[in-house]
Amino acid sequence: TYTVDQSAVFTDSLNDLAIIKINAQNLPAVTV
């Protein structure tokens, strides 16, 4: 579990999208 810093949240309300940055490396990223 990771607690997210509020300064690491970036949002776009118009398109209902958001990015969260957590302090972690070597995570299993998906293929788009």
Full PDB file with SEQRES, HELIX, SHEET, SSBOND, CRYST1, ORIGX, SCALE, CONECT and MASTER records, all heavy atoms in Angstrom:
SEQRES   1 A   32  THR TYR THR VAL ASP GLN SER ALA VAL PHE THR ASP SER          
SEQRES   2 A   32  LEU ASN ASP LEU ALA ILE ILE LYS ILE ASN ALA GLN ASN          
SEQRES   3 A   32  LEU PRO ALA VAL THR VAL                                      
HELIX    1 AA1 GLN A    6  ALA A    8  5                                   3    
SHEET    1 AA1 2 VAL A   9  ASP A  12  0                                        
SHEET    2 AA1 2 LEU A  17  ILE A  20 -1                                        
CRYST1    1.000    1.000    1.000  90.00  90.00  90.00 P 1           1          
ORIGX1      1.000000  0.000000  0.000000        0.00000                         
ORIGX2      0.000000  1.000000  0.000000        0.00000                         
ORIGX3      0.000000  0.000000  1.000000        0.00000                         
SCALE1      1.000000  0.000000  0.000000        0.00000                         
SCALE2      0.000000  1.000000  0.000000        0.00000                         
SCALE3      0.000000  0.000000  1.000000        0.00000                         
ATOM      1  N   THR A   1       0.835  -1.203   0.000  1.00  0.00           N  
ATOM      2  CA  THR A   1       0.000   0.000   0.000  1.00  0.00           C  
ATOM      3  C   THR A   1       0.867   1.248   0.000  1.00  0.00           C  
ATOM      4  O   THR A   1       1.902   1.305   0.684  1.00  0.00           O  
ATOM      5  CB  THR A   1      -0.934   0.006   1.231  1.00  0.00           C  
ATOM      6  OG1 THR A   1      -1.745  -1.163   1.202  1.00  0.00           O  
ATOM      7  CG2 THR A   1      -1.828   1.234   1.230  1.00  0.00           C  
ATOM      8  N   TYR A   2       0.408   2.254  -0.762  1.00  0.00           N  
ATOM      9  CA  TYR A   2       1.117   3.521  -0.848  1.00  0.00           C  
ATOM     10  C   TYR A   2       0.144   4.659  -0.534  1.00  0.00           C  
ATOM     11  O   TYR A   2      -0.992   4.668  -1.012  1.00  0.00           O  
ATOM     12  CB  TYR A   2       1.696   3.743  -2.246  1.00  0.00           C  
ATOM     13  CG  TYR A   2       2.742   2.724  -2.644  1.00  0.00           C  
ATOM     14  CD1 TYR A   2       2.370   1.495  -3.180  1.00  0.00           C  
ATOM     15  CD2 TYR A   2       4.102   2.988  -2.471  1.00  0.00           C  
ATOM     16  CE1 TYR A   2       3.322   0.556  -3.539  1.00  0.00           C  
ATOM     17  CE2 TYR A   2       5.062   2.055  -2.834  1.00  0.00           C  
ATOM     18  CZ  TYR A   2       4.659   0.839  -3.375  1.00  0.00           C  
ATOM     19  OH  TYR A   2       5.617  -0.091  -3.729  1.00  0.00           O  
ATOM     20  N   THR A   3       0.614   5.615   0.274  1.00  0.00           N  
ATOM     21  CA  THR A   3      -0.163   6.826   0.533  1.00  0.00           C  
ATOM     22  C   THR A   3       0.258   7.882  -0.481  1.00  0.00           C  
ATOM     23  O   THR A   3       1.461   8.118  -0.685  1.00  0.00           O  
ATOM     24  CB  THR A   3       0.082   7.338   1.962  1.00  0.00           C  
ATOM     25  OG1 THR A   3      -0.332   6.330   2.890  1.00  0.00           O  
ATOM     26  CG2 THR A   3      -0.720   8.607   2.219  1.00  0.00           C  
ATOM     27  N   VAL A   4      -0.724   8.503  -1.118  1.00  0.00           N  
ATOM     28  CA  VAL A   4      -0.455   9.436  -2.212  1.00  0.00           C  
ATOM     29  C   VAL A   4      -0.377  10.857  -1.677  1.00  0.00           C  
ATOM     30  O   VAL A   4      -1.264  11.315  -0.942  1.00  0.00           O  
ATOM     31  CB  VAL A   4      -1.551   9.339  -3.293  1.00  0.00           C  
ATOM     32  CG1 VAL A   4      -1.261  10.311  -4.430  1.00  0.00           C  
ATOM     33  CG2 VAL A   4      -1.652   7.910  -3.816  1.00  0.00           C  
ATOM     34  N   ASP A   5       0.690  11.568  -2.047  1.00  0.00           N  
ATOM     35  CA  ASP A   5       0.814  12.984  -1.727  1.00  0.00           C  
ATOM     36  C   ASP A   5      -0.141  13.770  -2.620  1.00  0.00           C  
ATOM     37  O   ASP A   5      -0.223  13.516  -3.828  1.00  0.00           O  
ATOM     38  CB  ASP A   5       2.265  13.432  -1.960  1.00  0.00           C  
ATOM     39  CG  ASP A   5       2.551  14.811  -1.394  1.00  0.00           C  
ATOM     40  OD1 ASP A   5       1.736  15.724  -1.637  1.00  0.00           O  
ATOM     41  OD2 ASP A   5       3.582  14.973  -0.721  1.00  0.00           O  
ATOM     42  N   GLN A   6      -0.872  14.719  -2.035  1.00  0.00           N  
ATOM     43  CA  GLN A   6      -1.827  15.497  -2.814  1.00  0.00           C  
ATOM     44  C   GLN A   6      -1.162  16.253  -3.965  1.00  0.00           C  
ATOM     45  O   GLN A   6      -1.787  16.492  -5.007  1.00  0.00           O  
ATOM     46  CB  GLN A   6      -2.567  16.492  -1.906  1.00  0.00           C  
ATOM     47  CG  GLN A   6      -3.437  15.839  -0.855  1.00  0.00           C  
ATOM     48  CD  GLN A   6      -4.642  15.146  -1.454  1.00  0.00           C  
ATOM     49  OE1 GLN A   6      -5.161  15.555  -2.484  1.00  0.00           O  
ATOM     50  NE2 GLN A   6      -5.082  14.063  -0.824  1.00  0.00           N  
ATOM     51  N   SER A   7       0.101  16.610  -3.800  1.00  0.00           N  
ATOM     52  CA  SER A   7       0.806  17.329  -4.870  1.00  0.00           C  
ATOM     53  C   SER A   7       1.162  16.415  -6.030  1.00  0.00           C  
ATOM     54  O   SER A   7       1.615  16.887  -7.081  1.00  0.00           O  
ATOM     55  CB  SER A   7       2.088  17.967  -4.312  1.00  0.00           C  
ATOM     56  OG  SER A   7       2.993  16.963  -3.856  1.00  0.00           O  
ATOM     57  N   ALA A   8       0.954  15.111  -5.875  1.00  0.00           N  
ATOM     58  CA  ALA A   8       1.269  14.146  -6.922  1.00  0.00           C  
ATOM     59  C   ALA A   8       0.022  13.656  -7.642  1.00  0.00           C  
ATOM     60  O   ALA A   8       0.019  12.582  -8.243  1.00  0.00           O  
ATOM     61  CB  ALA A   8       2.037  12.968  -6.338  1.00  0.00           C  
ATOM     62  N   VAL A   9      -1.053  14.448  -7.567  1.00  0.00           N  
ATOM     63  CA  VAL A   9      -2.306  14.118  -8.251  1.00  0.00           C  
ATOM     64  C   VAL A   9      -2.577  15.200  -9.294  1.00  0.00           C  
ATOM     65  O   VAL A   9      -2.622  16.388  -8.963  1.00  0.00           O  
ATOM     66  CB  VAL A   9      -3.483  14.031  -7.261  1.00  0.00           C  
ATOM     67  CG1 VAL A   9      -4.770  13.695  -8.001  1.00  0.00           C  
ATOM     68  CG2 VAL A   9      -3.195  12.996  -6.180  1.00  0.00           C  
ATOM     69  N   PHE A  10      -2.765  14.790 -10.538  1.00  0.00           N  
ATOM     70  CA  PHE A  10      -2.982  15.730 -11.641  1.00  0.00           C  
ATOM     71  C   PHE A  10      -4.255  15.306 -12.376  1.00  0.00           C  
ATOM     72  O   PHE A  10      -4.377  14.140 -12.779  1.00  0.00           O  
ATOM     73  CB  PHE A  10      -1.789  15.729 -12.590  1.00  0.00           C  
ATOM     74  CG  PHE A  10      -0.475  15.956 -11.884  1.00  0.00           C  
ATOM     75  CD1 PHE A  10       0.272  14.878 -11.419  1.00  0.00           C  
ATOM     76  CD2 PHE A  10       0.004  17.234 -11.658  1.00  0.00           C  
ATOM     77  CE1 PHE A  10       1.473  15.066 -10.748  1.00  0.00           C  
ATOM     78  CE2 PHE A  10       1.201  17.442 -10.990  1.00  0.00           C  
ATOM     79  CZ  PHE A  10       1.938  16.356 -10.531  1.00  0.00           C  
ATOM     80  N   THR A  11      -5.176  16.237 -12.538  1.00  0.00           N  
ATOM     81  CA  THR A  11      -6.502  15.863 -13.030  1.00  0.00           C  
ATOM     82  C   THR A  11      -6.947  16.704 -14.211  1.00  0.00           C  
ATOM     83  O   THR A  11      -6.488  17.839 -14.409  1.00  0.00           O  
ATOM     84  CB  THR A  11      -7.550  15.996 -11.913  1.00  0.00           C  
ATOM     85  OG1 THR A  11      -7.650  17.383 -11.530  1.00  0.00           O  
ATOM     86  CG2 THR A  11      -7.174  15.165 -10.701  1.00  0.00           C  
ATOM     87  N   ASP A  12      -7.850  16.134 -14.967  1.00  0.00           N  
ATOM     88  CA  ASP A  12      -8.560  16.841 -16.032  1.00  0.00           C  
ATOM     89  C   ASP A  12     -10.036  16.495 -15.886  1.00  0.00           C  
ATOM     90  O   ASP A  12     -10.475  15.424 -16.321  1.00  0.00           O  
ATOM     91  CB  ASP A  12      -8.042  16.429 -17.411  1.00  0.00           C  
ATOM     92  CG  ASP A  12      -8.825  17.105 -18.532  1.00  0.00           C  
ATOM     93  OD1 ASP A  12      -9.055  18.320 -18.440  1.00  0.00           O  
ATOM     94  OD2 ASP A  12      -9.226  16.414 -19.486  1.00  0.00           O  
ATOM     95  N   SER A  13     -10.783  17.383 -15.251  1.00  0.00           N  
ATOM     96  CA  SER A  13     -12.190  17.096 -14.954  1.00  0.00           C  
ATOM     97  C   SER A  13     -13.030  17.005 -16.209  1.00  0.00           C  
ATOM     98  O   SER A  13     -14.011  16.254 -16.251  1.00  0.00           O  
ATOM     99  CB  SER A  13     -12.756  18.160 -14.016  1.00  0.00           C  
ATOM    100  OG  SER A  13     -12.672  19.452 -14.613  1.00  0.00           O  
ATOM    101  N   LEU A  14     -12.671  17.761 -17.255  1.00  0.00           N  
ATOM    102  CA  LEU A  14     -13.487  17.784 -18.463  1.00  0.00           C  
ATOM    103  C   LEU A  14     -13.576  16.408 -19.103  1.00  0.00           C  
ATOM    104  O   LEU A  14     -14.642  15.985 -19.566  1.00  0.00           O  
ATOM    105  CB  LEU A  14     -12.925  18.797 -19.464  1.00  0.00           C  
ATOM    106  CG  LEU A  14     -13.806  19.062 -20.680  1.00  0.00           C  
ATOM    107  CD1 LEU A  14     -15.088  19.764 -20.280  1.00  0.00           C  
ATOM    108  CD2 LEU A  14     -13.057  19.880 -21.708  1.00  0.00           C  
ATOM    109  N   ASN A  15     -12.459  15.688 -19.126  1.00  0.00           N  
ATOM    110  CA  ASN A  15     -12.437  14.353 -19.727  1.00  0.00           C  
ATOM    111  C   ASN A  15     -12.413  13.243 -18.683  1.00  0.00           C  
ATOM    112  O   ASN A  15     -12.218  12.077 -19.027  1.00  0.00           O  
ATOM    113  CB  ASN A  15     -11.234  14.208 -20.659  1.00  0.00           C  
ATOM    114  CG  ASN A  15     -11.409  14.984 -21.941  1.00  0.00           C  
ATOM    115  OD1 ASN A  15     -12.168  14.603 -22.823  1.00  0.00           O  
ATOM    116  ND2 ASN A  15     -10.714  16.120 -22.043  1.00  0.00           N  
ATOM    117  N   ASP A  16     -12.585  13.601 -17.413  1.00  0.00           N  
ATOM    118  CA  ASP A  16     -12.667  12.630 -16.316  1.00  0.00           C  
ATOM    119  C   ASP A  16     -11.435  11.732 -16.268  1.00  0.00           C  
ATOM    120  O   ASP A  16     -11.538  10.510 -16.141  1.00  0.00           O  
ATOM    121  CB  ASP A  16     -13.941  11.789 -16.436  1.00  0.00           C  
ATOM    122  CG  ASP A  16     -14.237  11.030 -15.147  1.00  0.00           C  
ATOM    123  OD1 ASP A  16     -13.802  11.488 -14.074  1.00  0.00           O  
ATOM    124  OD2 ASP A  16     -14.892   9.978 -15.218  1.00  0.00           O  
ATOM    125  N   LEU A  17     -10.255  12.351 -16.341  1.00  0.00           N  
ATOM    126  CA  LEU A  17      -9.005  11.598 -16.273  1.00  0.00           C  
ATOM    127  C   LEU A  17      -8.121  12.169 -15.174  1.00  0.00           C  
ATOM    128  O   LEU A  17      -8.187  13.358 -14.857  1.00  0.00           O  
ATOM    129  CB  LEU A  17      -8.266  11.654 -17.618  1.00  0.00           C  
ATOM    130  CG  LEU A  17      -8.926  10.888 -18.767  1.00  0.00           C  
ATOM    131  CD1 LEU A  17      -8.250  11.227 -20.084  1.00  0.00           C  
ATOM    132  CD2 LEU A  17      -8.878   9.387 -18.514  1.00  0.00           C  
ATOM    133  N   ALA A  18      -7.290  11.309 -14.608  1.00  0.00           N  
ATOM    134  CA  ALA A  18      -6.359  11.743 -13.571  1.00  0.00           C  
ATOM    135  C   ALA A  18      -5.110  10.876 -13.604  1.00  0.00           C  
ATOM    136  O   ALA A  18      -5.159   9.711 -14.015  1.00  0.00           O  
ATOM    137  CB  ALA A  18      -7.015  11.678 -12.190  1.00  0.00           C  
ATOM    138  N   ILE A  19      -4.003  11.485 -13.142  1.00  0.00           N  
ATOM    139  CA  ILE A  19      -2.724  10.787 -13.005  1.00  0.00           C  
ATOM    140  C   ILE A  19      -2.309  10.848 -11.546  1.00  0.00           C  
ATOM    141  O   ILE A  19      -2.388  11.905 -10.906  1.00  0.00           O  
ATOM    142  CB  ILE A  19      -1.637  11.444 -13.878  1.00  0.00           C  
ATOM    143  CG1 ILE A  19      -1.972  11.294 -15.361  1.00  0.00           C  
ATOM    144  CG2 ILE A  19      -0.268  10.835 -13.593  1.00  0.00           C  
ATOM    145  CD1 ILE A  19      -2.004   9.873 -15.847  1.00  0.00           C  
ATOM    146  N   ILE A  20      -1.883   9.715 -11.006  1.00  0.00           N  
ATOM    147  CA  ILE A  20      -1.352   9.636  -9.646  1.00  0.00           C  
ATOM    148  C   ILE A  20       0.111   9.176  -9.739  1.00  0.00           C  
ATOM    149  O   ILE A  20       0.420   8.233 -10.469  1.00  0.00           O  
ATOM    150  CB  ILE A  20      -2.149   8.633  -8.788  1.00  0.00           C  
ATOM    151  CG1 ILE A  20      -3.585   9.126  -8.592  1.00  0.00           C  
ATOM    152  CG2 ILE A  20      -1.472   8.400  -7.445  1.00  0.00           C  
ATOM    153  CD1 ILE A  20      -4.466   8.111  -7.893  1.00  0.00           C  
ATOM    154  N   LYS A  21       0.978   9.846  -9.002  1.00  0.00           N  
ATOM    155  CA  LYS A  21       2.387   9.433  -8.953  1.00  0.00           C  
ATOM    156  C   LYS A  21       2.694   8.922  -7.553  1.00  0.00           C  
ATOM    157  O   LYS A  21       2.482   9.612  -6.557  1.00  0.00           O  
ATOM    158  CB  LYS A  21       3.297  10.624  -9.281  1.00  0.00           C  
ATOM    159  CG  LYS A  21       4.793  10.308  -9.178  1.00  0.00           C  
ATOM    160  CD  LYS A  21       5.214   9.329 -10.254  1.00  0.00           C  
ATOM    161  CE  LYS A  21       6.733   9.147 -10.270  1.00  0.00           C  
ATOM    162  NZ  LYS A  21       7.251   8.461  -9.070  1.00  0.00           N  
ATOM    163  N   ILE A  22       3.146   7.668  -7.475  1.00  0.00           N  
ATOM    164  CA  ILE A  22       3.551   7.099  -6.189  1.00  0.00           C  
ATOM    165  C   ILE A  22       5.056   6.873  -6.194  1.00  0.00           C  
ATOM    166  O   ILE A  22       5.686   6.779  -7.255  1.00  0.00           O  
ATOM    167  CB  ILE A  22       2.816   5.776  -5.883  1.00  0.00           C  
ATOM    168  CG1 ILE A  22       3.133   4.714  -6.941  1.00  0.00           C  
ATOM    169  CG2 ILE A  22       1.316   6.013  -5.784  1.00  0.00           C  
ATOM    170  CD1 ILE A  22       2.555   3.340  -6.630  1.00  0.00           C  
ATOM    171  N   ASN A  23       5.624   6.792  -5.013  1.00  0.00           N  
ATOM    172  CA  ASN A  23       7.067   6.616  -4.868  1.00  0.00           C  
ATOM    173  C   ASN A  23       7.407   5.130  -4.931  1.00  0.00           C  
ATOM    174  O   ASN A  23       7.535   4.446  -3.919  1.00  0.00           O  
ATOM    175  CB  ASN A  23       7.536   7.223  -3.541  1.00  0.00           C  
ATOM    176  CG  ASN A  23       9.054   7.211  -3.421  1.00  0.00           C  
ATOM    177  OD1 ASN A  23       9.765   7.124  -4.423  1.00  0.00           O  
ATOM    178  ND2 ASN A  23       9.550   7.281  -2.189  1.00  0.00           N  
ATOM    179  N   ALA A  24       7.512   4.607  -6.158  1.00  0.00           N  
ATOM    180  CA  ALA A  24       7.818   3.192  -6.357  1.00  0.00           C  
ATOM    181  C   ALA A  24       8.509   3.020  -7.708  1.00  0.00           C  
ATOM    182  O   ALA A  24       8.347   3.845  -8.621  1.00  0.00           O  
ATOM    183  CB  ALA A  24       6.539   2.359  -6.303  1.00  0.00           C  
ATOM    184  N   GLN A  25       9.272   1.971  -7.838  1.00  0.00           N  
ATOM    185  CA  GLN A  25       9.974   1.675  -9.090  1.00  0.00           C  
ATOM    186  C   GLN A  25       9.775   0.205  -9.450  1.00  0.00           C  
ATOM    187  O   GLN A  25       9.338  -0.603  -8.629  1.00  0.00           O  
ATOM    188  CB  GLN A  25      11.481   1.961  -8.950  1.00  0.00           C  
ATOM    189  CG  GLN A  25      11.849   3.432  -8.854  1.00  0.00           C  
ATOM    190  CD  GLN A  25      11.605   4.023  -7.488  1.00  0.00           C  
ATOM    191  OE1 GLN A  25      11.826   3.344  -6.475  1.00  0.00           O  
ATOM    192  NE2 GLN A  25      11.141   5.261  -7.438  1.00  0.00           N  
ATOM    193  N   ASN A  26      10.102  -0.086 -10.695  1.00  0.00           N  
ATOM    194  CA  ASN A  26      10.052  -1.454 -11.216  1.00  0.00           C  
ATOM    195  C   ASN A  26       8.673  -2.095 -11.053  1.00  0.00           C  
ATOM    196  O   ASN A  26       8.550  -3.279 -10.710  1.00  0.00           O  
ATOM    197  CB  ASN A  26      11.115  -2.330 -10.529  1.00  0.00           C  
ATOM    198  CG  ASN A  26      12.521  -1.827 -10.770  1.00  0.00           C  
ATOM    199  OD1 ASN A  26      12.852  -1.414 -11.886  1.00  0.00           O  
ATOM    200  ND2 ASN A  26      13.345  -1.839  -9.741  1.00  0.00           N  
ATOM    201  N   LEU A  27       7.661  -1.299 -11.301  1.00  0.00           N  
ATOM    202  CA  LEU A  27       6.288  -1.804 -11.221  1.00  0.00           C  
ATOM    203  C   LEU A  27       5.906  -2.484 -12.530  1.00  0.00           C  
ATOM    204  O   LEU A  27       6.449  -2.168 -13.597  1.00  0.00           O  
ATOM    205  CB  LEU A  27       5.320  -0.655 -10.917  1.00  0.00           C  
ATOM    206  CG  LEU A  27       5.545   0.083  -9.602  1.00  0.00           C  
ATOM    207  CD1 LEU A  27       4.541   1.222  -9.464  1.00  0.00           C  
ATOM    208  CD2 LEU A  27       5.437  -0.870  -8.419  1.00  0.00           C  
ATOM    209  N   PRO A  28       4.951  -3.406 -12.488  1.00  0.00           N  
ATOM    210  CA  PRO A  28       4.511  -4.090 -13.723  1.00  0.00           C  
ATOM    211  C   PRO A  28       3.564  -3.210 -14.547  1.00  0.00           C  
ATOM    212  O   PRO A  28       2.354  -3.192 -14.314  1.00  0.00           O  
ATOM    213  CB  PRO A  28       3.803  -5.338 -13.195  1.00  0.00           C  
ATOM    214  CG  PRO A  28       3.291  -4.925 -11.848  1.00  0.00           C  
ATOM    215  CD  PRO A  28       4.288  -3.959 -11.284  1.00  0.00           C  
ATOM    216  N   ALA A  29       4.097  -2.487 -15.491  1.00  0.00           N  
ATOM    217  CA  ALA A  29       3.290  -1.587 -16.321  1.00  0.00           C  
ATOM    218  C   ALA A  29       2.550  -2.379 -17.396  1.00  0.00           C  
ATOM    219  O   ALA A  29       3.015  -3.420 -17.867  1.00  0.00           O  
ATOM    220  CB  ALA A  29       4.168  -0.530 -16.961  1.00  0.00           C  
ATOM    221  N   VAL A  30       1.393  -1.863 -17.799  1.00  0.00           N  
ATOM    222  CA  VAL A  30       0.602  -2.507 -18.845  1.00  0.00           C  
ATOM    223  C   VAL A  30       1.099  -2.102 -20.223  1.00  0.00           C  
ATOM    224  O   VAL A  30       1.892  -1.163 -20.377  1.00  0.00           O  
ATOM    225  CB  VAL A  30      -0.891  -2.133 -18.723  1.00  0.00           C  
ATOM    226  CG1 VAL A  30      -1.471  -2.584 -17.407  1.00  0.00           C  
ATOM    227  CG2 VAL A  30      -1.066  -0.629 -18.904  1.00  0.00           C  
ATOM    228  N   THR A  31       0.582  -2.783 -21.222  1.00  0.00           N  
ATOM    229  CA  THR A  31       0.792  -2.393 -22.616  1.00  0.00           C  
ATOM    230  C   THR A  31      -0.470  -1.694 -23.095  1.00  0.00           C  
ATOM    231  O   THR A  31      -1.578  -2.174 -22.866  1.00  0.00           O  
ATOM    232  CB  THR A  31       1.059  -3.626 -23.495  1.00  0.00           C  
ATOM    233  OG1 THR A  31       2.212  -4.309 -23.001  1.00  0.00           O  
ATOM    234  CG2 THR A  31       1.281  -3.222 -24.941  1.00  0.00           C  
ATOM    235  N   VAL A  32      -0.306  -0.550 -23.744  1.00  0.00           N  
ATOM    236  CA  VAL A  32      -1.456   0.218 -24.242  1.00  0.00           C  
ATOM    237  C   VAL A  32      -1.704  -0.163 -25.698  1.00  0.00           C  
ATOM    238  O   VAL A  32      -0.772  -0.173 -26.523  1.00  0.00           O  
ATOM    239  CB  VAL A  32      -1.215   1.727 -24.115  1.00  0.00           C  
ATOM    240  CG1 VAL A  32      -2.401   2.499 -24.686  1.00  0.00           C  
ATOM    241  CG2 VAL A  32      -0.990   2.103 -22.657  1.00  0.00           C  
TER     242      VAL A  32                                                      
MASTER        0    0    0    1    2    0    0    6  241    1    0    3          
END                                                                             
